[in-house]
PDB file of all heavy atoms in Angstrom:
ATOM      1  N   PRO A   1      64.946  23.012  11.278  1.00  0.00           N
ATOM      2  CA  PRO A   1      63.981  22.187  10.545  1.00  0.00           C
ATOM      3  C   PRO A   1      64.459  21.779   9.162  1.00  0.00           C
ATOM      4  O   PRO A   1      65.219  22.495   8.504  1.00  0.00           O
ATOM      5  CB  PRO A   1      62.783  23.130  10.415  1.00  0.00           C
ATOM      6  CG  PRO A   1      63.410  24.483  10.259  1.00  0.00           C
ATOM      7  CD  PRO A   1      64.664  24.454  11.126  1.00  0.00           C
ATOM      8  N   PHE A   2      64.021  20.606   8.733  1.00  0.00           N
ATOM      9  CA  PHE A   2      64.132  20.255   7.323  1.00  0.00           C
ATOM     10  C   PHE A   2      62.940  19.389   6.949  1.00  0.00           C
ATOM     11  O   PHE A   2      62.469  18.565   7.734  1.00  0.00           O
ATOM     12  CB  PHE A   2      65.459  19.574   6.988  1.00  0.00           C
ATOM     13  CG  PHE A   2      65.720  18.281   7.701  1.00  0.00           C
ATOM     14  CD1 PHE A   2      65.380  17.068   7.122  1.00  0.00           C
ATOM     15  CD2 PHE A   2      66.334  18.273   8.949  1.00  0.00           C
ATOM     16  CE1 PHE A   2      65.632  15.875   7.768  1.00  0.00           C
ATOM     17  CE2 PHE A   2      66.590  17.074   9.607  1.00  0.00           C
ATOM     18  CZ  PHE A   2      66.234  15.873   9.014  1.00  0.00           C
ATOM     19  N   ASP A   3      62.425  19.629   5.749  1.00  0.00           N
ATOM     20  CA  ASP A   3      61.270  18.889   5.246  1.00  0.00           C
ATOM     21  C   ASP A   3      61.720  17.540   4.701  1.00  0.00           C
ATOM     22  O   ASP A   3      62.725  17.455   3.977  1.00  0.00           O
ATOM     23  CB  ASP A   3      60.578  19.670   4.133  1.00  0.00           C
ATOM     24  CG  ASP A   3      59.980  20.981   4.625  1.00  0.00           C
ATOM     25  OD1 ASP A   3      59.689  21.073   5.832  1.00  0.00           O
ATOM     26  OD2 ASP A   3      59.801  21.903   3.806  1.00  0.00           O
ATOM     27  N   LEU A   4      60.963  16.507   5.003  1.00  0.00           N
ATOM     28  CA  LEU A   4      61.262  15.182   4.466  1.00  0.00           C
ATOM     29  C   LEU A   4      60.575  15.024   3.115  1.00  0.00           C
ATOM     30  O   LEU A   4      59.422  15.416   2.929  1.00  0.00           O
ATOM     31  CB  LEU A   4      60.775  14.093   5.416  1.00  0.00           C
ATOM     32  CG  LEU A   4      61.420  14.043   6.805  1.00  0.00           C
ATOM     33  CD1 LEU A   4      60.997  12.767   7.531  1.00  0.00           C
ATOM     34  CD2 LEU A   4      62.935  14.121   6.724  1.00  0.00           C
ATOM     35  N   VAL A   5      61.294  14.429   2.170  1.00  0.00           N
ATOM     36  CA  VAL A   5      60.766  14.241   0.816  1.00  0.00           C
ATOM     37  C   VAL A   5      61.037  12.822   0.350  1.00  0.00           C
ATOM     38  O   VAL A   5      61.909  12.121   0.887  1.00  0.00           O
ATOM     39  CB  VAL A   5      61.389  15.246  -0.178  1.00  0.00           C
ATOM     40  CG1 VAL A   5      61.030  16.678   0.197  1.00  0.00           C
ATOM     41  CG2 VAL A   5      62.907  15.074  -0.241  1.00  0.00           C
ATOM     42  N   ASP A   6      60.284  12.398  -0.680  1.00  0.00           N
ATOM     43  CA  ASP A   6      60.494  11.071  -1.251  1.00  0.00           C
ATOM     44  C   ASP A   6      61.608  11.108  -2.291  1.00  0.00           C
ATOM     45  O   ASP A   6      62.287  12.132  -2.464  1.00  0.00           O
ATOM     46  CB  ASP A   6      59.186  10.524  -1.836  1.00  0.00           C
ATOM     47  CG  ASP A   6      58.639  11.382  -2.978  1.00  0.00           C
ATOM     48  OD1 ASP A   6      59.404  12.191  -3.558  1.00  0.00           O
ATOM     49  OD2 ASP A   6      57.440  11.250  -3.287  1.00  0.00           O
ATOM     50  N   ALA A   7      61.769   9.992  -2.998  1.00  0.00           N
ATOM     51  CA  ALA A   7      62.865   9.889  -3.962  1.00  0.00           C
ATOM     52  C   ALA A   7      62.736  10.881  -5.106  1.00  0.00           C
ATOM     53  O   ALA A   7      63.733  11.224  -5.765  1.00  0.00           O
ATOM     54  CB  ALA A   7      62.923   8.468  -4.520  1.00  0.00           C
ATOM     55  N   ASP A   8      61.515  11.376  -5.344  1.00  0.00           N
ATOM     56  CA  ASP A   8      61.294  12.347  -6.420  1.00  0.00           C
ATOM     57  C   ASP A   8      61.294  13.787  -5.918  1.00  0.00           C
ATOM     58  O   ASP A   8      61.002  14.712  -6.677  1.00  0.00           O
ATOM     59  CB  ASP A   8      59.964  12.052  -7.118  1.00  0.00           C
ATOM     60  CG  ASP A   8      59.961  10.701  -7.808  1.00  0.00           C
ATOM     61  OD1 ASP A   8      60.997  10.342  -8.396  1.00  0.00           O
ATOM     62  OD2 ASP A   8      58.932  10.002  -7.732  1.00  0.00           O
ATOM     63  N   GLY A   9      61.610  13.974  -4.641  1.00  0.00           N
ATOM     64  CA  GLY A   9      61.659  15.315  -4.087  1.00  0.00           C
ATOM     65  C   GLY A   9      60.326  15.860  -3.632  1.00  0.00           C
ATOM     66  O   GLY A   9      60.219  17.047  -3.309  1.00  0.00           O
ATOM     67  N   ASN A  10      59.299  15.002  -3.586  1.00  0.00           N
ATOM     68  CA  ASN A  10      57.979  15.438  -3.141  1.00  0.00           C
ATOM     69  C   ASN A  10      57.825  15.253  -1.634  1.00  0.00           C
ATOM     70  O   ASN A  10      58.316  14.279  -1.066  1.00  0.00           O
ATOM     71  CB  ASN A  10      56.892  14.630  -3.853  1.00  0.00           C
ATOM     72  CG  ASN A  10      56.937  14.808  -5.349  1.00  0.00           C
ATOM     73  OD1 ASN A  10      57.024  15.930  -5.847  1.00  0.00           O
ATOM     74  ND2 ASN A  10      56.893  13.712  -6.088  1.00  0.00           N
ATOM     75  N   GLY A  11      57.138  16.194  -1.005  1.00  0.00           N
ATOM     76  CA  GLY A  11      56.903  16.089   0.425  1.00  0.00           C
ATOM     77  C   GLY A  11      56.087  14.852   0.769  1.00  0.00           C
ATOM     78  O   GLY A  11      55.230  14.412   0.003  1.00  0.00           O
ATOM     79  N   ILE A  12      56.364  14.251   1.917  1.00  0.00           N
ATOM     80  CA  ILE A  12      55.610  13.099   2.394  1.00  0.00           C
ATOM     81  C   ILE A  12      54.758  13.528   3.585  1.00  0.00           C
ATOM     82  O   ILE A  12      54.933  14.613   4.134  1.00  0.00           O
ATOM     83  CB  ILE A  12      56.543  11.938   2.789  1.00  0.00           C
ATOM     84  CG1 ILE A  12      57.559  12.395   3.851  1.00  0.00           C
ATOM     85  CG2 ILE A  12      57.276  11.414   1.556  1.00  0.00           C
ATOM     86  CD1 ILE A  12      58.461  11.290   4.345  1.00  0.00           C
ATOM     87  N   GLY A  13      53.831  12.676   3.991  1.00  0.00           N
ATOM     88  CA  GLY A  13      52.886  13.031   5.048  1.00  0.00           C
ATOM     89  C   GLY A  13      53.522  13.180   6.413  1.00  0.00           C
ATOM     90  O   GLY A  13      54.708  12.907   6.609  1.00  0.00           O
ATOM     91  N   GLU A  14      52.726  13.605   7.357  1.00  0.00           N
ATOM     92  CA  GLU A  14      53.228  14.021   8.674  1.00  0.00           C
ATOM     93  C   GLU A  14      54.018  12.946   9.396  1.00  0.00           C
ATOM     94  O   GLU A  14      53.779  11.751   9.241  1.00  0.00           O
ATOM     95  CB  GLU A  14      52.077  14.481   9.558  1.00  0.00           C
ATOM     96  CG  GLU A  14      51.158  13.398  10.061  1.00  0.00           C
ATOM     97  CD  GLU A  14      50.141  13.942  11.049  1.00  0.00           C
ATOM     98  OE1 GLU A  14      50.516  14.172  12.214  1.00  0.00           O
ATOM     99  OE2 GLU A  14      48.979  14.147  10.645  1.00  0.00           O
ATOM    100  N   ALA A  15      54.980  13.390  10.213  1.00  0.00           N
ATOM    101  CA  ALA A  15      55.769  12.520  11.073  1.00  0.00           C
ATOM    102  C   ALA A  15      55.043  12.375  12.409  1.00  0.00           C
ATOM    103  O   ALA A  15      54.662  13.364  13.026  1.00  0.00           O
ATOM    104  CB  ALA A  15      57.157  13.107  11.286  1.00  0.00           C
ATOM    105  N   ASP A  16      54.875  11.119  12.848  1.00  0.00           N
ATOM    106  CA  ASP A  16      54.110  10.852  14.068  1.00  0.00           C
ATOM    107  C   ASP A  16      54.909  10.215  15.190  1.00  0.00           C
ATOM    108  O   ASP A  16      54.440  10.183  16.329  1.00  0.00           O
ATOM    109  CB  ASP A  16      52.913   9.948  13.743  1.00  0.00           C
ATOM    110  CG  ASP A  16      51.851  10.658  12.939  1.00  0.00           C
ATOM    111  OD1 ASP A  16      51.397  11.719  13.376  1.00  0.00           O
ATOM    112  OD2 ASP A  16      51.482  10.155  11.866  1.00  0.00           O
ATOM    113  N   GLY A  17      56.082   9.680  14.902  1.00  0.00           N
ATOM    114  CA  GLY A  17      56.843   9.001  15.945  1.00  0.00           C
ATOM    115  C   GLY A  17      58.335   9.174  15.767  1.00  0.00           C
ATOM    116  O   GLY A  17      58.836   9.292  14.642  1.00  0.00           O
ATOM    117  N   VAL A  18      59.057   9.198  16.891  1.00  0.00           N
ATOM    118  CA  VAL A  18      60.511   9.283  16.917  1.00  0.00           C
ATOM    119  C   VAL A  18      61.020   8.171  17.819  1.00  0.00           C
ATOM    120  O   VAL A  18      60.466   7.947  18.903  1.00  0.00           O
ATOM    121  CB  VAL A  18      60.988  10.639  17.467  1.00  0.00           C
ATOM    122  CG1 VAL A  18      62.505  10.690  17.529  1.00  0.00           C
ATOM    123  CG2 VAL A  18      60.471  11.785  16.640  1.00  0.00           C
ATOM    124  N   SER A  19      62.059   7.470  17.402  1.00  0.00           N
ATOM    125  CA  SER A  19      62.660   6.492  18.301  1.00  0.00           C
ATOM    126  C   SER A  19      63.215   7.211  19.516  1.00  0.00           C
ATOM    127  O   SER A  19      63.587   8.387  19.460  1.00  0.00           O
ATOM    128  CB  SER A  19      63.760   5.705  17.590  1.00  0.00           C
ATOM    129  OG  SER A  19      64.789   6.564  17.130  1.00  0.00           O
ATOM    130  N   SER A  20      63.285   6.512  20.621  1.00  0.00           N
ATOM    131  CA  SER A  20      63.733   7.128  21.867  1.00  0.00           C
ATOM    132  C   SER A  20      65.115   7.749  21.728  1.00  0.00           C
ATOM    133  O   SER A  20      65.399   8.801  22.306  1.00  0.00           O
ATOM    134  CB  SER A  20      63.730   6.071  22.988  1.00  0.00           C
ATOM    135  OG  SER A  20      64.040   6.638  24.232  1.00  0.00           O
ATOM    136  N   ASN A  21      65.981   7.120  20.930  1.00  0.00           N
ATOM    137  CA  ASN A  21      67.335   7.642  20.750  1.00  0.00           C
ATOM    138  C   ASN A  21      67.437   8.691  19.653  1.00  0.00           C
ATOM    139  O   ASN A  21      68.523   9.216  19.376  1.00  0.00           O
ATOM    140  CB  ASN A  21      68.310   6.503  20.464  1.00  0.00           C
ATOM    141  CG  ASN A  21      67.956   5.713  19.209  1.00  0.00           C
ATOM    142  OD1 ASN A  21      67.092   6.116  18.425  1.00  0.00           O
ATOM    143  ND2 ASN A  21      68.603   4.574  19.025  1.00  0.00           N
ATOM    144  N   GLY A  22      66.332   8.996  18.970  1.00  0.00           N
ATOM    145  CA  GLY A  22      66.310  10.041  17.962  1.00  0.00           C
ATOM    146  C   GLY A  22      66.869   9.668  16.607  1.00  0.00           C
ATOM    147  O   GLY A  22      66.956  10.524  15.724  1.00  0.00           O
ATOM    148  N   LEU A  23      67.210   8.403  16.396  1.00  0.00           N
ATOM    149  CA  LEU A  23      67.829   8.007  15.128  1.00  0.00           C
ATOM    150  C   LEU A  23      66.824   7.726  14.024  1.00  0.00           C
ATOM    151  O   LEU A  23      67.175   7.754  12.838  1.00  0.00           O
ATOM    152  CB  LEU A  23      68.703   6.762  15.343  1.00  0.00           C
ATOM    153  CG  LEU A  23      69.914   6.938  16.254  1.00  0.00           C
ATOM    154  CD1 LEU A  23      70.699   5.644  16.342  1.00  0.00           C
ATOM    155  CD2 LEU A  23      70.803   8.078  15.769  1.00  0.00           C
ATOM    156  N   TYR A  24      65.570   7.469  14.398  1.00  0.00           N
ATOM    157  CA  TYR A  24      64.564   7.108  13.403  1.00  0.00           C
ATOM    158  C   TYR A  24      63.282   7.903  13.624  1.00  0.00           C
ATOM    159  O   TYR A  24      62.899   8.190  14.756  1.00  0.00           O
ATOM    160  CB  TYR A  24      64.250   5.609  13.451  1.00  0.00           C
ATOM    161  CG  TYR A  24      65.452   4.745  13.150  1.00  0.00           C
ATOM    162  CD1 TYR A  24      66.280   4.297  14.177  1.00  0.00           C
ATOM    163  CD2 TYR A  24      65.775   4.414  11.843  1.00  0.00           C
ATOM    164  CE1 TYR A  24      67.407   3.525  13.902  1.00  0.00           C
ATOM    165  CE2 TYR A  24      66.891   3.637  11.557  1.00  0.00           C
ATOM    166  CZ  TYR A  24      67.704   3.200  12.586  1.00  0.00           C
ATOM    167  OH  TYR A  24      68.810   2.446  12.304  1.00  0.00           O
ATOM    168  N   VAL A  25      62.630   8.231  12.507  1.00  0.00           N
ATOM    169  CA  VAL A  25      61.343   8.925  12.523  1.00  0.00           C
ATOM    170  C   VAL A  25      60.401   8.159  11.608  1.00  0.00           C
ATOM    171  O   VAL A  25      60.817   7.656  10.555  1.00  0.00           O
ATOM    172  CB  VAL A  25      61.484  10.383  12.040  1.00  0.00           C
ATOM    173  CG1 VAL A  25      60.127  11.070  11.959  1.00  0.00           C
ATOM    174  CG2 VAL A  25      62.417  11.169  12.966  1.00  0.00           C
ATOM    175  N   VAL A  26      59.135   8.052  12.012  1.00  0.00           N
ATOM    176  CA  VAL A  26      58.142   7.358  11.186  1.00  0.00           C
ATOM    177  C   VAL A  26      56.914   8.232  10.996  1.00  0.00           C
ATOM    178  O   VAL A  26      56.651   9.142  11.787  1.00  0.00           O
ATOM    179  CB  VAL A  26      57.728   6.004  11.797  1.00  0.00           C
ATOM    180  CG1 VAL A  26      58.886   5.024  11.795  1.00  0.00           C
ATOM    181  CG2 VAL A  26      57.171   6.181  13.211  1.00  0.00           C
ATOM    182  N   GLY A  27      56.165   7.937   9.935  1.00  0.00           N
ATOM    183  CA  GLY A  27      54.963   8.700   9.660  1.00  0.00           C
ATOM    184  C   GLY A  27      54.138   8.059   8.575  1.00  0.00           C
ATOM    185  O   GLY A  27      54.286   6.866   8.269  1.00  0.00           O
ATOM    186  N   SER A  28      53.269   8.848   7.959  1.00  0.00           N
ATOM    187  CA  SER A  28      52.290   8.323   7.009  1.00  0.00           C
ATOM    188  C   SER A  28      52.363   9.047   5.670  1.00  0.00           C
ATOM    189  O   SER A  28      53.031  10.071   5.526  1.00  0.00           O
ATOM    190  CB  SER A  28      50.880   8.469   7.581  1.00  0.00           C
ATOM    191  OG  SER A  28      50.585   9.839   7.829  1.00  0.00           O
ATOM    192  N   ASP A  29      51.655   8.481   4.687  1.00  0.00           N
ATOM    193  CA  ASP A  29      51.404   9.110   3.390  1.00  0.00           C
ATOM    194  C   ASP A  29      52.659   9.262   2.543  1.00  0.00           C
ATOM    195  O   ASP A  29      53.005  10.361   2.090  1.00  0.00           O
ATOM    196  CB  ASP A  29      50.711  10.460   3.578  1.00  0.00           C
ATOM    197  CG  ASP A  29      50.000  10.931   2.307  1.00  0.00           C
ATOM    198  OD1 ASP A  29      49.782  10.091   1.423  1.00  0.00           O
ATOM    199  OD2 ASP A  29      49.682  12.125   2.211  1.00  0.00           O
ATOM    200  N   TYR A  30      53.322   8.124   2.299  1.00  0.00           N
ATOM    201  CA  TYR A  30      54.385   8.080   1.292  1.00  0.00           C
ATOM    202  C   TYR A  30      53.729   7.574   0.013  1.00  0.00           C
ATOM    203  O   TYR A  30      53.307   6.422  -0.074  1.00  0.00           O
ATOM    204  CB  TYR A  30      55.501   7.132   1.726  1.00  0.00           C
ATOM    205  CG  TYR A  30      56.683   7.080   0.773  1.00  0.00           C
ATOM    206  CD1 TYR A  30      57.862   7.741   1.088  1.00  0.00           C
ATOM    207  CD2 TYR A  30      56.624   6.372  -0.420  1.00  0.00           C
ATOM    208  CE1 TYR A  30      58.951   7.695   0.225  1.00  0.00           C
ATOM    209  CE2 TYR A  30      57.701   6.327  -1.293  1.00  0.00           C
ATOM    210  CZ  TYR A  30      58.859   6.989  -0.953  1.00  0.00           C
ATOM    211  OH  TYR A  30      59.941   6.948  -1.800  1.00  0.00           O
ATOM    212  N   PHE A  31      53.627   8.431  -0.990  1.00  0.00           N
ATOM    213  CA  PHE A  31      52.897   8.103  -2.212  1.00  0.00           C
ATOM    214  C   PHE A  31      53.818   7.472  -3.246  1.00  0.00           C
ATOM    215  O   PHE A  31      54.876   8.021  -3.564  1.00  0.00           O
ATOM    216  CB  PHE A  31      52.233   9.345  -2.800  1.00  0.00           C
ATOM    217  CG  PHE A  31      51.408   9.064  -4.024  1.00  0.00           C
ATOM    218  CD1 PHE A  31      50.194   8.401  -3.919  1.00  0.00           C
ATOM    219  CD2 PHE A  31      51.857   9.462  -5.278  1.00  0.00           C
ATOM    220  CE1 PHE A  31      49.434   8.136  -5.058  1.00  0.00           C
ATOM    221  CE2 PHE A  31      51.106   9.202  -6.416  1.00  0.00           C
ATOM    222  CZ  PHE A  31      49.882   8.532  -6.301  1.00  0.00           C
ATOM    223  N   ASP A  32      53.416   6.298  -3.743  1.00  0.00           N
ATOM    224  CA  ASP A  32      54.161   5.595  -4.783  1.00  0.00           C
ATOM    225  C   ASP A  32      53.484   5.881  -6.128  1.00  0.00           C
ATOM    226  O   ASP A  32      52.372   5.392  -6.387  1.00  0.00           O
ATOM    227  CB  ASP A  32      54.170   4.092  -4.501  1.00  0.00           C
ATOM    228  CG  ASP A  32      55.080   3.327  -5.459  1.00  0.00           C
ATOM    229  OD1 ASP A  32      55.130   3.681  -6.646  1.00  0.00           O
ATOM    230  OD2 ASP A  32      55.733   2.376  -5.001  1.00  0.00           O
ATOM    231  N   ALA A  33      54.136   6.653  -6.970  1.00  0.00           N
ATOM    232  CA  ALA A  33      53.542   7.049  -8.248  1.00  0.00           C
ATOM    233  C   ALA A  33      53.373   5.867  -9.191  1.00  0.00           C
ATOM    234  O   ALA A  33      52.514   5.891 -10.088  1.00  0.00           O
ATOM    235  CB  ALA A  33      54.402   8.119  -8.912  1.00  0.00           C
ATOM    236  N   ASP A  34      54.177   4.827  -9.020  1.00  0.00           N
ATOM    237  CA  ASP A  34      54.083   3.666  -9.906  1.00  0.00           C
ATOM    238  C   ASP A  34      52.857   2.821  -9.600  1.00  0.00           C
ATOM    239  O   ASP A  34      52.162   2.348 -10.507  1.00  0.00           O
ATOM    240  CB  ASP A  34      55.348   2.813  -9.803  1.00  0.00           C
ATOM    241  CG  ASP A  34      56.584   3.519 -10.346  1.00  0.00           C
ATOM    242  OD1 ASP A  34      56.428   4.344 -11.267  1.00  0.00           O
ATOM    243  OD2 ASP A  34      57.676   3.259  -9.824  1.00  0.00           O
TER     244      ASP A  34
END
């Protein structure tokens, strides 16, 4: 396992989908502080 984080090192929301070939993962709740 490894936790996914944003550019500031903060955790992002849950992962909900994986491409069939496993190269890409998508999910929700990426917070933009700006």
